[in-house]
Amino acid sequence: ISSASFRSLLRIFDQIPLLSWKWLESSDLAGSALEDDCVFSLSEKSCKNVLSLLQRLSTRSSWEIRSLSAEFAAAIFSKSDMLEQHDHFASLAQPIFRLLCHLCVDKVDFVQSAAITSLSHVYRIQKFLSPEVADDVSKFVYQGLVNSEAMVRR
């Protein structure tokens, strides 16, 4: 994961005092944040931790954090080469995709916008999704757009 997307994750941590840096230290994460082009290596354990964190944040946090969650998920999708190289990483594609679909119908338009934008990366991970899950794209994006239009009218 690039340092830019990693910084997004760190911004999430900064907003949540309950999650200490100990979680990060125990996540089997390697890399350094000195350069923008550096790469972070996520182990199977840390991938599951990231997914668990994103799922919790998407339902129980402020709209800013939910929006960041969508951005971070998009950053993961943008690294399709990593998805292809690591089986444990590829297994995250479907649950993270479902998480983005959920955020597409969020009650806050900024979150919807971030999620819909994030879903624009879905073409990169189509091979990891079942046909039923892939069909959800149009349904959730459409519902998100309908919700956004209703908010604008209000």
Protein backbone atom coordinates (compact mmCIF):
# COMPACT_ATOMS: atom_id res chain seq x y z
CA ILE A 1 0.00 0.00 0.00
CA SER A 2 1.46 3.38 -0.89
CA SER A 3 2.39 5.77 1.87
CA ALA A 4 -0.42 8.11 0.80
CA SER A 5 -3.06 5.46 1.47
CA PHE A 6 -1.23 4.41 4.61
CA ARG A 7 -1.44 8.01 5.85
CA SER A 8 -5.20 7.83 5.30
CA LEU A 9 -5.27 4.84 7.60
CA LEU A 10 -3.16 6.69 10.16
CA ARG A 11 -5.59 9.63 10.02
CA ILE A 12 -8.29 7.16 10.99
CA PHE A 13 -6.18 6.01 13.95
CA ASP A 14 -5.65 9.60 15.04
CA GLN A 15 -9.42 10.03 15.29
CA ILE A 16 -9.98 6.94 17.41
CA PRO A 17 -8.28 7.04 20.81
CA LEU A 18 -9.56 3.58 21.72
CA LEU A 19 -7.43 2.00 19.03
CA SER A 20 -3.87 2.28 20.23
CA TRP A 21 -0.73 2.07 18.16
CA LYS A 22 -0.24 -1.38 19.71
CA TRP A 23 -2.72 -2.69 17.13
CA LEU A 24 -0.49 -1.38 14.38
CA GLU A 25 2.64 -2.79 16.01
CA SER A 26 1.06 -6.24 16.21
CA SER A 27 -0.20 -6.18 12.62
CA ASP A 28 2.89 -7.60 10.90
CA LEU A 29 3.28 -4.41 8.92
CA ALA A 30 6.57 -3.56 7.25
CA GLY A 31 7.70 -0.41 5.50
CA SER A 32 8.67 3.17 6.06
CA ALA A 33 6.76 6.41 5.54
CA LEU A 34 9.69 8.59 4.53
CA GLU A 35 9.03 8.64 0.77
CA ASP A 36 5.77 8.83 -1.16
CA ASP A 37 6.74 5.94 -3.39
CA CYS A 38 7.49 3.55 -0.55
CA VAL A 39 5.43 0.39 -0.27
CA PHE A 40 3.93 -1.16 2.83
CA SER A 41 3.71 -4.90 3.01
CA LEU A 42 0.62 -6.26 4.71
CA SER A 43 0.57 -9.79 6.07
CA GLU A 44 -2.53 -11.98 6.18
CA LYS A 45 -3.08 -11.04 9.82
CA SER A 46 -2.83 -7.30 9.19
CA CYS A 47 -5.11 -7.52 6.13
CA LYS A 48 -7.79 -9.07 8.31
CA ASN A 49 -7.20 -6.40 10.95
CA VAL A 50 -7.59 -3.64 8.36
CA LEU A 51 -10.82 -5.18 7.07
CA SER A 52 -12.19 -5.58 10.59
CA LEU A 53 -11.31 -1.97 11.36
CA LEU A 54 -12.95 -0.66 8.18
CA GLN A 55 -16.11 -2.65 8.85
CA ARG A 56 -16.40 -1.29 12.40
CA LEU A 57 -15.67 2.26 11.30
CA SER A 58 -18.23 2.19 8.52
CA THR A 59 -21.07 1.64 10.97
CA ARG A 60 -20.08 3.35 14.22
CA SER A 61 -18.16 6.50 13.50
CA SER A 62 -18.40 10.07 12.28
CA TRP A 63 -19.05 10.81 8.62
CA GLU A 64 -15.44 11.99 8.22
CA ILE A 65 -14.14 8.60 9.32
CA ARG A 66 -16.64 6.75 7.14
CA SER A 67 -15.50 8.84 4.20
CA LEU A 68 -11.84 8.05 4.97
CA SER A 69 -12.75 4.36 5.14
CA ALA A 70 -14.12 4.54 1.60
CA GLU A 71 -10.98 6.33 0.39
CA PHE A 72 -8.73 3.76 2.00
CA ALA A 73 -10.70 0.88 0.48
CA ALA A 74 -10.23 2.50 -2.93
CA ALA A 75 -6.50 2.71 -2.29
CA ILE A 76 -6.46 -1.02 -1.63
CA PHE A 77 -8.37 -1.69 -4.85
CA SER A 78 -5.99 0.47 -6.84
CA LYS A 79 -3.18 -1.96 -5.99
CA SER A 80 -4.53 -4.77 -8.16
CA ASP A 81 -1.00 -6.13 -8.64
CA MET A 82 -0.86 -6.83 -4.91
CA LEU A 83 -4.25 -8.53 -5.04
CA GLU A 84 -2.96 -10.83 -7.74
CA GLN A 85 0.23 -11.70 -5.89
CA HIS A 86 -1.19 -12.48 -2.46
CA ASP A 87 -4.05 -14.90 -1.90
CA HIS A 88 -4.83 -13.50 1.53
CA PHE A 89 -5.05 -10.01 0.06
CA ALA A 90 -7.28 -11.16 -2.79
CA SER A 91 -9.70 -12.68 -0.28
CA LEU A 92 -10.35 -9.15 1.00
CA ALA A 93 -11.67 -7.90 -2.35
CA GLN A 94 -15.22 -9.17 -1.89
CA PRO A 95 -15.79 -8.03 1.73
CA ILE A 96 -14.24 -4.60 1.07
CA PHE A 97 -16.38 -4.27 -2.03
CA ARG A 98 -19.50 -5.01 0.03
CA LEU A 99 -18.36 -2.41 2.57
CA LEU A 100 -18.14 0.21 -0.19
CA CYS A 101 -21.60 -0.73 -1.44
CA HIS A 102 -22.90 -0.20 2.09
CA LEU A 103 -21.25 3.24 2.23
CA CYS A 104 -22.85 4.16 -1.13
CA VAL A 105 -26.19 4.40 0.61
CA ASP A 106 -24.87 6.25 3.66
CA LYS A 107 -27.07 9.06 4.96
CA VAL A 108 -24.27 11.62 4.52
CA ASP A 109 -23.66 12.73 0.94
CA PHE A 110 -19.88 13.20 1.40
CA VAL A 111 -19.59 9.55 2.43
CA GLN A 112 -21.75 8.46 -0.53
CA SER A 113 -19.59 10.49 -2.86
CA ALA A 114 -16.36 8.94 -1.52
CA ALA A 115 -17.82 5.44 -1.79
CA ILE A 116 -19.16 5.94 -5.31
CA THR A 117 -15.81 7.37 -6.40
CA SER A 118 -14.06 4.43 -4.75
CA LEU A 119 -16.24 1.99 -6.66
CA SER A 120 -14.87 3.43 -9.88
CA HIS A 121 -11.84 1.23 -9.16
CA VAL A 122 -13.97 -1.90 -9.23
CA TYR A 123 -12.96 -2.82 -12.78
CA ARG A 124 -9.51 -3.62 -11.39
CA ILE A 125 -10.83 -6.31 -9.09
CA GLN A 126 -13.67 -7.80 -11.13
CA LYS A 127 -11.92 -11.15 -11.45
CA PHE A 128 -12.01 -11.49 -7.65
CA LEU A 129 -15.78 -10.93 -7.42
CA SER A 130 -18.59 -13.37 -8.00
CA PRO A 131 -21.14 -12.35 -10.69
CA GLU A 132 -23.79 -11.75 -8.01
CA VAL A 133 -21.53 -9.39 -6.10
CA ALA A 134 -20.47 -7.57 -9.27
CA ASP A 135 -24.15 -6.95 -10.05
CA ASP A 136 -24.43 -5.06 -6.77
CA VAL A 137 -22.33 -2.22 -8.21
CA SER A 138 -25.06 -0.70 -10.33
CA LYS A 139 -27.74 -1.29 -7.70
CA PHE A 140 -25.88 0.40 -4.84
CA VAL A 141 -24.39 3.20 -6.91
CA TYR A 142 -27.84 3.97 -8.34
CA GLN A 143 -29.38 3.95 -4.86
CA GLY A 144 -26.60 6.22 -3.61
CA LEU A 145 -27.19 8.68 -6.44
CA VAL A 146 -30.95 8.65 -5.79
CA ASN A 147 -30.30 9.35 -2.09
CA SER A 148 -27.90 12.20 -2.96
CA GLU A 149 -30.45 13.78 -5.27
CA ALA A 150 -33.09 13.59 -2.53
CA MET A 151 -30.70 15.33 -0.11
CA VAL A 152 -29.99 18.09 -2.60
CA ARG A 153 -33.72 18.68 -3.05
CA ARG A 154 -34.20 18.95 0.72
